Amino acid sequence: MVHGQKMQISLQNIGRRFNREWIFRGIDYTFDETGSYAVLGANGSGKSTLLQVLNGSLVPSAGTIKYTNGTVNIDPGDIFNYLSLAAPYLEVIEDFTLNEMIDFHFRFKPYRQGMDKEAVAGILNLQGSRNKAIRYFSSGMKQRLKLALAFCADTPILMLDEPTANLDNQGIDWYLGLIEQYSAGRLTIICSNQQHEYSFCANTLNIADYK
């Protein structure tokens, strides 16, 4: 996966319902190559649902979603190859050590240029814990791990859901440092209702506008 790809996600009249109730509907929106986007809304408003539609893990109940890379259309079933995702509902494998988790993740995603296992452990400041099982990590450390894996993969799309959940103020500063360093040149989509998580985003989409 190389940078410089012109990734675009186009939504036409996208809706998703649960049973008979629409969570959102009528979304016409384009997420453009290297833009930064915040998907906003109260808890339970459907932000995570929209993100799952965007990353291909949920099928929309209405409308069409189109992924393009330059002039090439990407099959929705293949879009996961182009994106990195960190979210509270994504589990890390508790029985793995940190080393094993990093190795496992990067079997599916290429490292960013100049990155390797050492570098990821260094970003986490956990060089001394590389053989420690993840089940012994605090919730904050698990969240940092999810973020580091997403940031350090060489994918043209970065999707983050509530990125600073379980992080203290120091963790929030760490996250903002990673954003500065590793989100440039990528289509970045952040689901949030906390301004510090998305204040750098140039574009916002509010779920409440599509009820």
Protein backbone atom coordinates (compact mmCIF):
# COMPACT_ATOMS: atom_id res chain seq x y z
CA MET A 1 0.00 0.00 0.00
CA VAL A 2 1.70 3.20 -1.03
CA HIS A 3 0.88 6.76 -0.16
CA GLY A 4 -0.20 9.17 -2.81
CA GLN A 5 -3.31 7.11 -3.49
CA LYS A 6 -6.35 9.28 -4.19
CA MET A 7 -8.82 7.48 -1.96
CA GLN A 8 -12.41 8.60 -1.94
CA ILE A 9 -15.53 7.30 -0.22
CA SER A 10 -18.79 8.56 -1.75
CA LEU A 11 -22.15 8.08 -0.04
CA GLN A 12 -25.37 8.42 -1.99
CA ASN A 13 -28.59 8.51 0.01
CA ILE A 14 -27.08 6.19 2.64
CA GLY A 15 -29.34 4.99 5.44
CA ARG A 16 -29.16 2.31 8.07
CA ARG A 17 -32.05 1.05 10.13
CA PHE A 18 -32.32 -1.27 13.05
CA ASN A 19 -35.57 -3.27 12.94
CA ARG A 20 -37.96 -0.59 11.69
CA GLU A 21 -36.23 2.42 13.14
CA TRP A 22 -33.86 4.49 11.03
CA ILE A 23 -30.59 5.29 12.81
CA PHE A 24 -29.75 7.75 10.03
CA ARG A 25 -30.92 8.22 6.47
CA GLY A 26 -30.37 10.33 3.37
CA ILE A 27 -26.62 10.88 3.76
CA ASP A 28 -25.08 12.30 0.61
CA TYR A 29 -21.46 12.96 1.39
CA THR A 30 -17.98 12.50 -0.02
CA PHE A 31 -14.90 11.77 2.05
CA ASP A 32 -11.99 12.97 -0.06
CA GLU A 33 -8.47 11.58 -0.31
CA THR A 34 -6.31 13.37 2.30
CA GLY A 35 -9.05 15.25 4.16
CA SER A 36 -9.74 15.03 7.90
CA TYR A 37 -13.35 14.44 8.93
CA ALA A 38 -15.12 14.36 12.28
CA VAL A 39 -18.36 12.37 12.55
CA LEU A 40 -20.20 14.02 15.44
CA GLY A 41 -23.20 13.12 17.55
CA ALA A 42 -24.34 12.28 21.06
CA ASN A 43 -23.70 8.82 22.54
CA GLY A 44 -25.98 6.29 20.87
CA SER A 45 -26.68 8.58 17.90
CA GLY A 46 -25.23 6.19 15.32
CA LYS A 47 -21.65 7.43 14.84
CA SER A 48 -20.14 3.98 15.27
CA THR A 49 -22.81 2.49 13.00
CA LEU A 50 -21.91 4.95 10.26
CA LEU A 51 -18.21 4.16 10.71
CA GLN A 52 -19.00 0.44 10.34
CA VAL A 53 -20.90 1.20 7.12
CA LEU A 54 -17.91 3.23 5.89
CA ASN A 55 -15.42 0.47 6.66
CA GLY A 56 -17.54 -2.23 5.05
CA SER A 57 -18.39 -4.22 8.16
CA LEU A 58 -22.08 -3.22 7.95
CA VAL A 59 -24.14 -3.04 4.77
CA PRO A 60 -26.31 0.07 4.40
CA SER A 61 -30.08 -0.46 4.51
CA ALA A 62 -30.52 2.14 1.76
CA GLY A 63 -28.36 3.97 -0.74
CA THR A 64 -25.00 3.18 -2.30
CA ILE A 65 -21.44 3.55 -1.12
CA LYS A 66 -18.61 3.82 -3.61
CA TYR A 67 -14.89 3.47 -2.93
CA THR A 68 -12.41 4.77 -5.48
CA ASN A 69 -8.65 4.83 -5.61
CA GLY A 70 -7.79 7.36 -8.30
CA THR A 71 -9.88 6.16 -11.22
CA VAL A 72 -10.17 2.58 -9.96
CA ASN A 73 -13.30 1.37 -8.17
CA ILE A 74 -12.64 -0.78 -5.11
CA ASP A 75 -14.94 -3.64 -4.23
CA PRO A 76 -16.54 -3.01 -0.79
CA GLY A 77 -15.33 -6.48 0.23
CA ASP A 78 -11.73 -5.37 -0.29
CA ILE A 79 -11.82 -1.96 1.39
CA PHE A 80 -10.40 -3.34 4.65
CA ASN A 81 -7.07 -3.72 2.83
CA TYR A 82 -6.92 0.07 2.49
CA LEU A 83 -7.79 1.11 6.02
CA SER A 84 -6.63 1.04 9.63
CA LEU A 85 -9.20 1.14 12.42
CA ALA A 86 -9.05 1.71 16.17
CA ALA A 87 -12.28 1.51 18.17
CA PRO A 88 -13.40 0.63 21.73
CA TYR A 89 -15.34 -2.41 20.43
CA LEU A 90 -12.29 -3.83 18.61
CA GLU A 91 -10.62 -6.33 20.90
CA VAL A 92 -6.93 -6.98 21.25
CA ILE A 93 -5.98 -10.62 21.80
CA GLU A 94 -5.48 -10.89 25.56
CA ASP A 95 -3.42 -14.10 25.44
CA PHE A 96 -0.83 -12.60 23.11
CA THR A 97 2.26 -10.84 24.35
CA LEU A 98 2.87 -7.34 23.03
CA ASN A 99 5.42 -8.77 20.55
CA GLU A 100 2.93 -11.38 19.32
CA MET A 101 0.13 -8.82 18.95
CA ILE A 102 2.34 -6.52 16.88
CA ASP A 103 3.51 -9.44 14.69
CA PHE A 104 -0.07 -10.63 14.22
CA HIS A 105 -1.38 -7.19 13.23
CA PHE A 106 1.36 -6.61 10.68
CA ARG A 107 0.73 -9.93 8.98
CA PHE A 108 -2.37 -8.21 7.58
CA LYS A 109 -1.13 -4.63 7.14
CA PRO A 110 2.21 -3.32 5.88
CA TYR A 111 4.34 -1.22 8.20
CA ARG A 112 4.75 2.47 7.41
CA GLN A 113 8.11 3.25 5.88
CA GLY A 114 10.86 3.11 8.49
CA MET A 115 8.63 1.28 10.99
CA ASP A 116 9.16 -2.11 12.57
CA LYS A 117 8.30 -3.98 15.76
CA GLU A 118 10.92 -2.07 17.77
CA ALA A 119 9.54 1.25 16.59
CA VAL A 120 5.95 0.36 17.54
CA ALA A 121 7.06 -0.71 21.04
CA GLY A 122 9.05 2.54 21.23
CA ILE A 123 6.02 4.67 20.33
CA LEU A 124 4.15 2.89 23.14
CA ASN A 125 7.14 3.38 25.46
CA LEU A 126 6.83 -0.32 26.30
CA GLN A 127 10.18 -1.68 25.15
CA GLY A 128 10.50 -3.41 28.54
CA SER A 129 7.06 -5.06 28.33
CA ARG A 130 7.36 -6.74 24.96
CA ASN A 131 6.96 -10.25 26.41
CA LYS A 132 4.15 -9.30 28.77
CA ALA A 133 0.69 -10.70 28.03
CA ILE A 134 -1.81 -8.03 26.98
CA ARG A 135 -4.29 -9.23 29.59
CA TYR A 136 -2.05 -7.57 32.19
CA PHE A 137 -2.19 -4.18 30.44
CA SER A 138 -4.41 -1.44 31.87
CA SER A 139 -7.38 -0.27 29.79
CA GLY A 140 -5.40 2.84 28.91
CA MET A 141 -2.44 0.79 27.66
CA LYS A 142 -4.76 -1.39 25.55
CA GLN A 143 -6.22 1.75 24.00
CA ARG A 144 -2.74 3.11 23.26
CA LEU A 145 -1.85 -0.21 21.64
CA LYS A 146 -4.91 -0.12 19.35
CA LEU A 147 -4.07 3.43 18.30
CA ALA A 148 -0.37 2.69 17.70
CA LEU A 149 -1.21 -0.32 15.51
CA ALA A 150 -3.58 1.80 13.41
CA PHE A 151 -1.21 4.75 13.08
CA CYS A 152 1.85 2.63 12.24
CA ALA A 153 0.22 0.66 9.40
CA ASP A 154 0.76 1.97 5.89
CA THR A 155 -2.85 2.45 4.82
CA PRO A 156 -4.33 5.41 2.93
CA ILE A 157 -7.40 5.51 5.22
CA LEU A 158 -7.35 5.93 9.02
CA MET A 159 -10.59 5.47 11.00
CA LEU A 160 -10.75 6.14 14.73
CA ASP A 161 -13.79 5.76 16.98
CA GLU A 162 -13.60 7.59 20.34
CA PRO A 163 -9.79 7.54 20.16
CA THR A 164 -9.10 8.85 23.66
CA ALA A 165 -11.50 6.53 25.52
CA ASN A 166 -9.63 5.29 28.63
CA LEU A 167 -6.74 7.75 28.13
CA ASP A 168 -5.61 10.26 30.77
CA ASN A 169 -4.37 13.77 29.93
CA GLN A 170 -0.88 12.50 29.17
CA GLY A 171 -2.44 9.85 26.88
CA ILE A 172 -4.48 12.52 25.11
CA ASP A 173 -1.31 14.54 24.42
CA TRP A 174 0.35 11.36 23.15
CA TYR A 175 -2.61 10.75 20.78
CA LEU A 176 -2.47 14.31 19.43
CA GLY A 177 1.26 13.87 18.80
CA LEU A 178 0.56 10.72 16.77
CA ILE A 179 -2.14 12.54 14.79
CA GLU A 180 0.36 15.25 13.90
CA GLN A 181 2.98 12.73 12.85
CA TYR A 182 1.03 9.89 11.26
CA SER A 183 -2.25 11.20 9.84
CA ALA A 184 -0.79 13.53 7.21
CA GLY A 185 -1.53 12.41 3.66
CA ARG A 186 -4.24 9.97 4.78
CA LEU A 187 -8.00 10.18 4.62
CA THR A 188 -8.73 10.45 8.35
CA ILE A 189 -12.23 9.90 9.82
CA ILE A 190 -12.84 10.31 13.55
CA CYS A 191 -16.08 9.52 15.40
CA SER A 192 -16.28 11.60 18.53
CA ASN A 193 -18.26 13.83 20.84
CA GLN A 194 -15.19 15.28 22.58
CA GLN A 195 -13.66 18.28 20.91
CA HIS A 196 -10.04 17.50 21.83
CA GLU A 197 -10.28 14.32 19.75
CA TYR A 198 -11.19 16.06 16.50
CA SER A 199 -10.34 19.77 16.84
CA PHE A 200 -7.80 19.43 13.99
CA CYS A 201 -10.43 18.05 11.56
CA ALA A 202 -11.19 20.34 8.62
CA ASN A 203 -14.67 18.87 7.99
CA THR A 204 -17.56 17.73 10.18
CA LEU A 205 -20.59 15.55 9.56
CA ASN A 206 -23.26 15.64 12.26
CA ILE A 207 -25.42 12.52 12.54
CA ALA A 208 -28.29 14.63 13.94
CA ASP A 209 -28.69 16.21 10.48
CA TYR A 210 -29.68 12.81 9.04
CA LYS A 211 -32.36 11.58 11.43
